[in-house]
Amino acid sequence: QARRIRQENLAGRRPGGYSGPGPDP
């Protein structure tokens, strides 16, 4: 369950889990 929640939170982000310096709508 913890792994699934973490994957849902990271879905749609750039590789590495951070949104980066550019705009992220």
mmCIF file of all heavy atoms, coordinates in Angstrom:
data_MODEL
# 
_entry.id   MODEL 
# 
loop_
_atom_site.group_PDB 
_atom_site.id 
_atom_site.type_symbol 
_atom_site.label_atom_id 
_atom_site.label_alt_id 
_atom_site.label_comp_id 
_atom_site.label_asym_id 
_atom_site.label_entity_id 
_atom_site.label_seq_id 
_atom_site.pdbx_PDB_ins_code 
_atom_site.Cartn_x 
_atom_site.Cartn_y 
_atom_site.Cartn_z 
_atom_site.occupancy 
_atom_site.B_iso_or_equiv 
_atom_site.pdbx_formal_charge 
_atom_site.auth_seq_id 
_atom_site.auth_comp_id 
_atom_site.auth_asym_id 
_atom_site.auth_atom_id 
_atom_site.pdbx_PDB_model_num 
ATOM 1   N N   . GLN A 1 1  ? 0.839  -1.204 0.000   1.00 0.00 ? 1  GLN A N   1 
ATOM 2   C CA  . GLN A 1 1  ? 0.000  0.000  0.000   1.00 0.00 ? 1  GLN A CA  1 
ATOM 3   C C   . GLN A 1 1  ? 0.879  1.262  0.000   1.00 0.00 ? 1  GLN A C   1 
ATOM 4   O O   . GLN A 1 1  ? 0.597  2.214  -0.728  1.00 0.00 ? 1  GLN A O   1 
ATOM 5   C CB  . GLN A 1 1  ? -0.918 0.012  1.212   1.00 0.00 ? 1  GLN A CB  1 
ATOM 6   C CG  . GLN A 1 1  ? -1.882 1.183  1.214   1.00 0.00 ? 1  GLN A CG  1 
ATOM 7   C CD  . GLN A 1 1  ? -2.821 1.149  2.404   1.00 0.00 ? 1  GLN A CD  1 
ATOM 8   O OE1 . GLN A 1 1  ? -2.683 0.304  3.288   1.00 0.00 ? 1  GLN A OE1 1 
ATOM 9   N NE2 . GLN A 1 1  ? -3.755 2.063  2.429   1.00 0.00 ? 1  GLN A NE2 1 
ATOM 10  N N   . ALA A 1 2  ? 1.937  1.287  0.762   1.00 0.00 ? 2  ALA A N   1 
ATOM 11  C CA  . ALA A 1 2  ? 2.835  2.442  0.804   1.00 0.00 ? 2  ALA A CA  1 
ATOM 12  C C   . ALA A 1 2  ? 3.496  2.654  -0.552  1.00 0.00 ? 2  ALA A C   1 
ATOM 13  O O   . ALA A 1 2  ? 3.639  3.789  -1.023  1.00 0.00 ? 2  ALA A O   1 
ATOM 14  C CB  . ALA A 1 2  ? 3.892  2.259  1.890   1.00 0.00 ? 2  ALA A CB  1 
ATOM 15  N N   . ARG A 1 3  ? 3.904  1.575  -1.218  1.00 0.00 ? 3  ARG A N   1 
ATOM 16  C CA  . ARG A 1 3  ? 4.526  1.667  -2.539  1.00 0.00 ? 3  ARG A CA  1 
ATOM 17  C C   . ARG A 1 3  ? 3.534  2.214  -3.569  1.00 0.00 ? 3  ARG A C   1 
ATOM 18  O O   . ARG A 1 3  ? 3.869  3.057  -4.387  1.00 0.00 ? 3  ARG A O   1 
ATOM 19  C CB  . ARG A 1 3  ? 5.030  0.283  -2.971  1.00 0.00 ? 3  ARG A CB  1 
ATOM 20  C CG  . ARG A 1 3  ? 5.859  0.326  -4.244  1.00 0.00 ? 3  ARG A CG  1 
ATOM 21  C CD  . ARG A 1 3  ? 6.391  -1.043 -4.661  1.00 0.00 ? 3  ARG A CD  1 
ATOM 22  N NE  . ARG A 1 3  ? 7.112  -1.693 -3.585  1.00 0.00 ? 3  ARG A NE  1 
ATOM 23  C CZ  . ARG A 1 3  ? 6.800  -2.899 -3.074  1.00 0.00 ? 3  ARG A CZ  1 
ATOM 24  N NH1 . ARG A 1 3  ? 5.793  -3.578 -3.550  1.00 0.00 ? 3  ARG A NH1 1 
ATOM 25  N NH2 . ARG A 1 3  ? 7.510  -3.410 -2.092  1.00 0.00 ? 3  ARG A NH2 1 
ATOM 26  N N   . ARG A 1 4  ? 2.280  1.763  -3.503  1.00 0.00 ? 4  ARG A N   1 
ATOM 27  C CA  . ARG A 1 4  ? 1.250  2.223  -4.434  1.00 0.00 ? 4  ARG A CA  1 
ATOM 28  C C   . ARG A 1 4  ? 0.969  3.714  -4.246  1.00 0.00 ? 4  ARG A C   1 
ATOM 29  O O   . ARG A 1 4  ? 0.875  4.474  -5.209  1.00 0.00 ? 4  ARG A O   1 
ATOM 30  C CB  . ARG A 1 4  ? -0.040 1.418  -4.242  1.00 0.00 ? 4  ARG A CB  1 
ATOM 31  C CG  . ARG A 1 4  ? -1.139 1.801  -5.242  1.00 0.00 ? 4  ARG A CG  1 
ATOM 32  C CD  . ARG A 1 4  ? -2.415 1.025  -5.000  1.00 0.00 ? 4  ARG A CD  1 
ATOM 33  N NE  . ARG A 1 4  ? -2.902 1.055  -3.629  1.00 0.00 ? 4  ARG A NE  1 
ATOM 34  C CZ  . ARG A 1 4  ? -3.563 2.081  -3.092  1.00 0.00 ? 4  ARG A CZ  1 
ATOM 35  N NH1 . ARG A 1 4  ? -3.823 3.138  -3.792  1.00 0.00 ? 4  ARG A NH1 1 
ATOM 36  N NH2 . ARG A 1 4  ? -3.975 2.025  -1.836  1.00 0.00 ? 4  ARG A NH2 1 
ATOM 37  N N   . ILE A 1 5  ? 0.889  4.165  -3.002  1.00 0.00 ? 5  ILE A N   1 
ATOM 38  C CA  . ILE A 1 5  ? 0.646  5.582  -2.721  1.00 0.00 ? 5  ILE A CA  1 
ATOM 39  C C   . ILE A 1 5  ? 1.802  6.428  -3.244  1.00 0.00 ? 5  ILE A C   1 
ATOM 40  O O   . ILE A 1 5  ? 1.601  7.473  -3.858  1.00 0.00 ? 5  ILE A O   1 
ATOM 41  C CB  . ILE A 1 5  ? 0.429  5.800  -1.207  1.00 0.00 ? 5  ILE A CB  1 
ATOM 42  C CG1 . ILE A 1 5  ? -0.912 5.210  -0.794  1.00 0.00 ? 5  ILE A CG1 1 
ATOM 43  C CG2 . ILE A 1 5  ? 0.489  7.277  -0.857  1.00 0.00 ? 5  ILE A CG2 1 
ATOM 44  C CD1 . ILE A 1 5  ? -1.145 5.193  0.694   1.00 0.00 ? 5  ILE A CD1 1 
ATOM 45  N N   . ARG A 1 6  ? 3.021  5.952  -3.063  1.00 0.00 ? 6  ARG A N   1 
ATOM 46  C CA  . ARG A 1 6  ? 4.182  6.707  -3.543  1.00 0.00 ? 6  ARG A CA  1 
ATOM 47  C C   . ARG A 1 6  ? 4.180  6.789  -5.058  1.00 0.00 ? 6  ARG A C   1 
ATOM 48  O O   . ARG A 1 6  ? 4.461  7.839  -5.642  1.00 0.00 ? 6  ARG A O   1 
ATOM 49  C CB  . ARG A 1 6  ? 5.466  6.050  -3.056  1.00 0.00 ? 6  ARG A CB  1 
ATOM 50  C CG  . ARG A 1 6  ? 6.703  6.828  -3.430  1.00 0.00 ? 6  ARG A CG  1 
ATOM 51  C CD  . ARG A 1 6  ? 7.936  6.295  -2.711  1.00 0.00 ? 6  ARG A CD  1 
ATOM 52  N NE  . ARG A 1 6  ? 9.056  7.164  -2.878  1.00 0.00 ? 6  ARG A NE  1 
ATOM 53  C CZ  . ARG A 1 6  ? 9.822  7.201  -3.963  1.00 0.00 ? 6  ARG A CZ  1 
ATOM 54  N NH1 . ARG A 1 6  ? 9.572  6.400  -4.966  1.00 0.00 ? 6  ARG A NH1 1 
ATOM 55  N NH2 . ARG A 1 6  ? 10.842 8.035  -4.044  1.00 0.00 ? 6  ARG A NH2 1 
ATOM 56  N N   . GLN A 1 7  ? 3.829  5.710  -5.746  1.00 0.00 ? 7  GLN A N   1 
ATOM 57  C CA  . GLN A 1 7  ? 3.780  5.729  -7.208  1.00 0.00 ? 7  GLN A CA  1 
ATOM 58  C C   . GLN A 1 7  ? 2.691  6.680  -7.712  1.00 0.00 ? 7  GLN A C   1 
ATOM 59  O O   . GLN A 1 7  ? 2.874  7.365  -8.714  1.00 0.00 ? 7  GLN A O   1 
ATOM 60  C CB  . GLN A 1 7  ? 3.559  4.316  -7.748  1.00 0.00 ? 7  GLN A CB  1 
ATOM 61  C CG  . GLN A 1 7  ? 4.776  3.447  -7.627  1.00 0.00 ? 7  GLN A CG  1 
ATOM 62  C CD  . GLN A 1 7  ? 4.492  2.007  -8.021  1.00 0.00 ? 7  GLN A CD  1 
ATOM 63  O OE1 . GLN A 1 7  ? 3.342  1.608  -8.164  1.00 0.00 ? 7  GLN A OE1 1 
ATOM 64  N NE2 . GLN A 1 7  ? 5.550  1.222  -8.186  1.00 0.00 ? 7  GLN A NE2 1 
ATOM 65  N N   . GLU A 1 8  ? 1.542  6.715  -7.024  1.00 0.00 ? 8  GLU A N   1 
ATOM 66  C CA  . GLU A 1 8  ? 0.478  7.645  -7.424  1.00 0.00 ? 8  GLU A CA  1 
ATOM 67  C C   . GLU A 1 8  ? 0.931  9.094  -7.233  1.00 0.00 ? 8  GLU A C   1 
ATOM 68  O O   . GLU A 1 8  ? 0.609  9.955  -8.042  1.00 0.00 ? 8  GLU A O   1 
ATOM 69  C CB  . GLU A 1 8  ? -0.786 7.398  -6.603  1.00 0.00 ? 8  GLU A CB  1 
ATOM 70  C CG  . GLU A 1 8  ? -1.518 6.144  -6.981  1.00 0.00 ? 8  GLU A CG  1 
ATOM 71  C CD  . GLU A 1 8  ? -2.689 5.855  -6.052  1.00 0.00 ? 8  GLU A CD  1 
ATOM 72  O OE1 . GLU A 1 8  ? -2.939 6.659  -5.133  1.00 0.00 ? 8  GLU A OE1 1 
ATOM 73  O OE2 . GLU A 1 8  ? -3.330 4.822  -6.249  1.00 0.00 ? 8  GLU A OE2 1 
ATOM 74  N N   . ASN A 1 9  ? 1.664  9.361  -6.178  1.00 0.00 ? 9  ASN A N   1 
ATOM 75  C CA  . ASN A 1 9  ? 2.147  10.714 -5.933  1.00 0.00 ? 9  ASN A CA  1 
ATOM 76  C C   . ASN A 1 9  ? 3.181  11.143 -6.966  1.00 0.00 ? 9  ASN A C   1 
ATOM 77  O O   . ASN A 1 9  ? 3.274  12.319 -7.299  1.00 0.00 ? 9  ASN A O   1 
ATOM 78  C CB  . ASN A 1 9  ? 2.745  10.837 -4.534  1.00 0.00 ? 9  ASN A CB  1 
ATOM 79  C CG  . ASN A 1 9  ? 1.687  10.816 -3.456  1.00 0.00 ? 9  ASN A CG  1 
ATOM 80  O OD1 . ASN A 1 9  ? 0.527  11.068 -3.725  1.00 0.00 ? 9  ASN A OD1 1 
ATOM 81  N ND2 . ASN A 1 9  ? 2.100  10.502 -2.241  1.00 0.00 ? 9  ASN A ND2 1 
ATOM 82  N N   . LEU A 1 10 ? 3.974  10.214 -7.442  1.00 0.00 ? 10 LEU A N   1 
ATOM 83  C CA  . LEU A 1 10 ? 5.022  10.542 -8.407  1.00 0.00 ? 10 LEU A CA  1 
ATOM 84  C C   . LEU A 1 10 ? 4.539  10.477 -9.852  1.00 0.00 ? 10 LEU A C   1 
ATOM 85  O O   . LEU A 1 10 ? 5.283  10.855 -10.749 1.00 0.00 ? 10 LEU A O   1 
ATOM 86  C CB  . LEU A 1 10 ? 6.220  9.615  -8.217  1.00 0.00 ? 10 LEU A CB  1 
ATOM 87  C CG  . LEU A 1 10 ? 6.969  9.749  -6.887  1.00 0.00 ? 10 LEU A CG  1 
ATOM 88  C CD1 . LEU A 1 10 ? 8.074  8.709  -6.813  1.00 0.00 ? 10 LEU A CD1 1 
ATOM 89  C CD2 . LEU A 1 10 ? 7.532  11.140 -6.737  1.00 0.00 ? 10 LEU A CD2 1 
ATOM 90  N N   . ALA A 1 11 ? 3.338  10.029 -10.109 1.00 0.00 ? 11 ALA A N   1 
ATOM 91  C CA  . ALA A 1 11 ? 2.836  9.909  -11.474 1.00 0.00 ? 11 ALA A CA  1 
ATOM 92  C C   . ALA A 1 11 ? 2.749  11.292 -12.114 1.00 0.00 ? 11 ALA A C   1 
ATOM 93  O O   . ALA A 1 11 ? 2.289  12.252 -11.513 1.00 0.00 ? 11 ALA A O   1 
ATOM 94  C CB  . ALA A 1 11 ? 1.466  9.245  -11.479 1.00 0.00 ? 11 ALA A CB  1 
ATOM 95  N N   . GLY A 1 12 ? 3.197  11.417 -13.336 1.00 0.00 ? 12 GLY A N   1 
ATOM 96  C CA  . GLY A 1 12 ? 3.131  12.671 -14.061 1.00 0.00 ? 12 GLY A CA  1 
ATOM 97  C C   . GLY A 1 12 ? 4.321  13.583 -13.830 1.00 0.00 ? 12 GLY A C   1 
ATOM 98  O O   . GLY A 1 12 ? 4.450  14.602 -14.489 1.00 0.00 ? 12 GLY A O   1 
ATOM 99  N N   . ARG A 1 13 ? 5.208  13.204 -12.938 1.00 0.00 ? 13 ARG A N   1 
ATOM 100 C CA  . ARG A 1 13 ? 6.396  14.034 -12.711 1.00 0.00 ? 13 ARG A CA  1 
ATOM 101 C C   . ARG A 1 13 ? 7.498  13.613 -13.667 1.00 0.00 ? 13 ARG A C   1 
ATOM 102 O O   . ARG A 1 13 ? 7.460  12.541 -14.262 1.00 0.00 ? 13 ARG A O   1 
ATOM 103 C CB  . ARG A 1 13 ? 6.892  13.869 -11.285 1.00 0.00 ? 13 ARG A CB  1 
ATOM 104 C CG  . ARG A 1 13 ? 5.990  14.497 -10.267 1.00 0.00 ? 13 ARG A CG  1 
ATOM 105 C CD  . ARG A 1 13 ? 6.695  14.507 -8.955  1.00 0.00 ? 13 ARG A CD  1 
ATOM 106 N NE  . ARG A 1 13 ? 5.842  15.030 -7.906  1.00 0.00 ? 13 ARG A NE  1 
ATOM 107 C CZ  . ARG A 1 13 ? 6.196  15.078 -6.649  1.00 0.00 ? 13 ARG A CZ  1 
ATOM 108 N NH1 . ARG A 1 13 ? 7.362  14.633 -6.275  1.00 0.00 ? 13 ARG A NH1 1 
ATOM 109 N NH2 . ARG A 1 13 ? 5.372  15.565 -5.758  1.00 0.00 ? 13 ARG A NH2 1 
ATOM 110 N N   . ARG A 1 14 ? 8.475  14.475 -13.772 1.00 0.00 ? 14 ARG A N   1 
ATOM 111 C CA  . ARG A 1 14 ? 9.631  14.154 -14.600 1.00 0.00 ? 14 ARG A CA  1 
ATOM 112 C C   . ARG A 1 14 ? 10.465 13.088 -13.896 1.00 0.00 ? 14 ARG A C   1 
ATOM 113 O O   . ARG A 1 14 ? 10.340 12.890 -12.698 1.00 0.00 ? 14 ARG A O   1 
ATOM 114 C CB  . ARG A 1 14 ? 10.452 15.418 -14.813 1.00 0.00 ? 14 ARG A CB  1 
ATOM 115 C CG  . ARG A 1 14 ? 9.694  16.434 -15.630 1.00 0.00 ? 14 ARG A CG  1 
ATOM 116 C CD  . ARG A 1 14 ? 10.530 17.659 -15.870 1.00 0.00 ? 14 ARG A CD  1 
ATOM 117 N NE  . ARG A 1 14 ? 9.745  18.589 -16.664 1.00 0.00 ? 14 ARG A NE  1 
ATOM 118 C CZ  . ARG A 1 14 ? 9.887  19.889 -16.621 1.00 0.00 ? 14 ARG A CZ  1 
ATOM 119 N NH1 . ARG A 1 14 ? 10.789 20.432 -15.859 1.00 0.00 ? 14 ARG A NH1 1 
ATOM 120 N NH2 . ARG A 1 14 ? 9.140  20.669 -17.362 1.00 0.00 ? 14 ARG A NH2 1 
ATOM 121 N N   . PRO A 1 15 ? 11.348 12.409 -14.624 1.00 0.00 ? 15 PRO A N   1 
ATOM 122 C CA  . PRO A 1 15 ? 12.197 11.400 -13.982 1.00 0.00 ? 15 PRO A CA  1 
ATOM 123 C C   . PRO A 1 15 ? 12.967 12.007 -12.819 1.00 0.00 ? 15 PRO A C   1 
ATOM 124 O O   . PRO A 1 15 ? 13.487 13.108 -12.911 1.00 0.00 ? 15 PRO A O   1 
ATOM 125 C CB  . PRO A 1 15 ? 13.139 10.965 -15.091 1.00 0.00 ? 15 PRO A CB  1 
ATOM 126 C CG  . PRO A 1 15 ? 12.441 11.317 -16.357 1.00 0.00 ? 15 PRO A CG  1 
ATOM 127 C CD  . PRO A 1 15 ? 11.590 12.495 -16.055 1.00 0.00 ? 15 PRO A CD  1 
ATOM 128 N N   . GLY A 1 16 ? 13.012 11.301 -11.743 1.00 0.00 ? 16 GLY A N   1 
ATOM 129 C CA  . GLY A 1 16 ? 13.694 11.792 -10.564 1.00 0.00 ? 16 GLY A CA  1 
ATOM 130 C C   . GLY A 1 16 ? 12.706 12.289 -9.519  1.00 0.00 ? 16 GLY A C   1 
ATOM 131 O O   . GLY A 1 16 ? 13.074 12.529 -8.392  1.00 0.00 ? 16 GLY A O   1 
ATOM 132 N N   . GLY A 1 17 ? 11.442 12.470 -9.902  1.00 0.00 ? 17 GLY A N   1 
ATOM 133 C CA  . GLY A 1 17 ? 10.432 12.838 -8.940  1.00 0.00 ? 17 GLY A CA  1 
ATOM 134 C C   . GLY A 1 17 ? 10.244 14.327 -8.726  1.00 0.00 ? 17 GLY A C   1 
ATOM 135 O O   . GLY A 1 17 ? 9.390  14.726 -7.972  1.00 0.00 ? 17 GLY A O   1 
ATOM 136 N N   . TYR A 1 18 ? 11.043 15.160 -9.392  1.00 0.00 ? 18 TYR A N   1 
ATOM 137 C CA  . TYR A 1 18 ? 10.925 16.602 -9.202  1.00 0.00 ? 18 TYR A CA  1 
ATOM 138 C C   . TYR A 1 18 ? 10.366 17.228 -10.472 1.00 0.00 ? 18 TYR A C   1 
ATOM 139 O O   . TYR A 1 18 ? 10.571 16.739 -11.567 1.00 0.00 ? 18 TYR A O   1 
ATOM 140 C CB  . TYR A 1 18 ? 12.282 17.223 -8.868  1.00 0.00 ? 18 TYR A CB  1 
ATOM 141 C CG  . TYR A 1 18 ? 12.853 16.674 -7.594  1.00 0.00 ? 18 TYR A CG  1 
ATOM 142 C CD1 . TYR A 1 18 ? 13.867 15.735 -7.607  1.00 0.00 ? 18 TYR A CD1 1 
ATOM 143 C CD2 . TYR A 1 18 ? 12.349 17.087 -6.371  1.00 0.00 ? 18 TYR A CD2 1 
ATOM 144 C CE1 . TYR A 1 18 ? 14.373 15.221 -6.435  1.00 0.00 ? 18 TYR A CE1 1 
ATOM 145 C CE2 . TYR A 1 18 ? 12.850 16.574 -5.194  1.00 0.00 ? 18 TYR A CE2 1 
ATOM 146 C CZ  . TYR A 1 18 ? 13.865 15.654 -5.233  1.00 0.00 ? 18 TYR A CZ  1 
ATOM 147 O OH  . TYR A 1 18 ? 14.359 15.147 -4.065  1.00 0.00 ? 18 TYR A OH  1 
ATOM 148 N N   . SER A 1 19 ? 9.686  18.356 -10.314 1.00 0.00 ? 19 SER A N   1 
ATOM 149 C CA  . SER A 1 19 ? 9.087  18.990 -11.482 1.00 0.00 ? 19 SER A CA  1 
ATOM 150 C C   . SER A 1 19 ? 10.109 19.786 -12.287 1.00 0.00 ? 19 SER A C   1 
ATOM 151 O O   . SER A 1 19 ? 9.885  20.082 -13.441 1.00 0.00 ? 19 SER A O   1 
ATOM 152 C CB  . SER A 1 19 ? 7.928  19.914 -11.068 1.00 0.00 ? 19 SER A CB  1 
ATOM 153 O OG  . SER A 1 19 ? 8.420  20.978 -10.299 1.00 0.00 ? 19 SER A OG  1 
ATOM 154 N N   . GLY A 1 20 ? 11.211 20.170 -11.706 1.00 0.00 ? 20 GLY A N   1 
ATOM 155 C CA  . GLY A 1 20 ? 12.265 20.853 -12.436 1.00 0.00 ? 20 GLY A CA  1 
ATOM 156 C C   . GLY A 1 20 ? 12.049 22.351 -12.498 1.00 0.00 ? 20 GLY A C   1 
ATOM 157 O O   . GLY A 1 20 ? 11.085 22.885 -11.980 1.00 0.00 ? 20 GLY A O   1 
ATOM 158 N N   . PRO A 1 21 ? 12.964 23.070 -13.150 1.00 0.00 ? 21 PRO A N   1 
ATOM 159 C CA  . PRO A 1 21 ? 12.912 24.526 -13.153 1.00 0.00 ? 21 PRO A CA  1 
ATOM 160 C C   . PRO A 1 21 ? 11.871 25.113 -14.100 1.00 0.00 ? 21 PRO A C   1 
ATOM 161 O O   . PRO A 1 21 ? 11.490 26.252 -13.961 1.00 0.00 ? 21 PRO A O   1 
ATOM 162 C CB  . PRO A 1 21 ? 14.321 24.929 -13.583 1.00 0.00 ? 21 PRO A CB  1 
ATOM 163 C CG  . PRO A 1 21 ? 14.783 23.804 -14.429 1.00 0.00 ? 21 PRO A CG  1 
ATOM 164 C CD  . PRO A 1 21 ? 14.177 22.578 -13.814 1.00 0.00 ? 21 PRO A CD  1 
ATOM 165 N N   . GLY A 1 22 ? 11.430 24.370 -15.088 1.00 0.00 ? 22 GLY A N   1 
ATOM 166 C CA  . GLY A 1 22 ? 10.478 24.892 -16.063 1.00 0.00 ? 22 GLY A CA  1 
ATOM 167 C C   . GLY A 1 22 ? 9.062  24.929 -15.529 1.00 0.00 ? 22 GLY A C   1 
ATOM 168 O O   . GLY A 1 22 ? 8.763  24.430 -14.446 1.00 0.00 ? 22 GLY A O   1 
ATOM 169 N N   . PRO A 1 23 ? 8.162  25.545 -16.278 1.00 0.00 ? 23 PRO A N   1 
ATOM 170 C CA  . PRO A 1 23 ? 6.759  25.592 -15.840 1.00 0.00 ? 23 PRO A CA  1 
ATOM 171 C C   . PRO A 1 23 ? 6.131  24.203 -15.836 1.00 0.00 ? 23 PRO A C   1 
ATOM 172 O O   . PRO A 1 23 ? 6.400  23.389 -16.708 1.00 0.00 ? 23 PRO A O   1 
ATOM 173 C CB  . PRO A 1 23 ? 6.089  26.507 -16.862 1.00 0.00 ? 23 PRO A CB  1 
ATOM 174 C CG  . PRO A 1 23 ? 6.999  26.561 -18.020 1.00 0.00 ? 23 PRO A CG  1 
ATOM 175 C CD  . PRO A 1 23 ? 8.374  26.246 -17.538 1.00 0.00 ? 23 PRO A CD  1 
ATOM 176 N N   . ASP A 1 24 ? 5.330  23.956 -14.851 1.00 0.00 ? 24 ASP A N   1 
ATOM 177 C CA  . ASP A 1 24 ? 4.637  22.676 -14.718 1.00 0.00 ? 24 ASP A CA  1 
ATOM 178 C C   . ASP A 1 24 ? 3.154  22.990 -14.516 1.00 0.00 ? 24 ASP A C   1 
ATOM 179 O O   . ASP A 1 24 ? 2.724  23.321 -13.413 1.00 0.00 ? 24 ASP A O   1 
ATOM 180 C CB  . ASP A 1 24 ? 5.197  21.910 -13.519 1.00 0.00 ? 24 ASP A CB  1 
ATOM 181 C CG  . ASP A 1 24 ? 4.642  20.505 -13.422 1.00 0.00 ? 24 ASP A CG  1 
ATOM 182 O OD1 . ASP A 1 24 ? 3.825  20.129 -14.287 1.00 0.00 ? 24 ASP A OD1 1 
ATOM 183 O OD2 . ASP A 1 24 ? 5.025  19.780 -12.489 1.00 0.00 ? 24 ASP A OD2 1 
ATOM 184 N N   . PRO A 1 25 ? 2.337  22.912 -15.584 1.00 0.00 ? 25 PRO A N   1 
ATOM 185 C CA  . PRO A 1 25 ? 0.934  23.306 -15.471 1.00 0.00 ? 25 PRO A CA  1 
ATOM 186 C C   . PRO A 1 25 ? 0.148  22.491 -14.451 1.00 0.00 ? 25 PRO A C   1 
ATOM 187 O O   . PRO A 1 25 ? -0.829 22.976 -13.895 1.00 0.00 ? 25 PRO A O   1 
ATOM 188 C CB  . PRO A 1 25 ? 0.370  23.083 -16.871 1.00 0.00 ? 25 PRO A CB  1 
ATOM 189 C CG  . PRO A 1 25 ? 1.514  22.778 -17.760 1.00 0.00 ? 25 PRO A CG  1 
ATOM 190 C CD  . PRO A 1 25 ? 2.696  22.480 -16.917 1.00 0.00 ? 25 PRO A CD  1 
# 
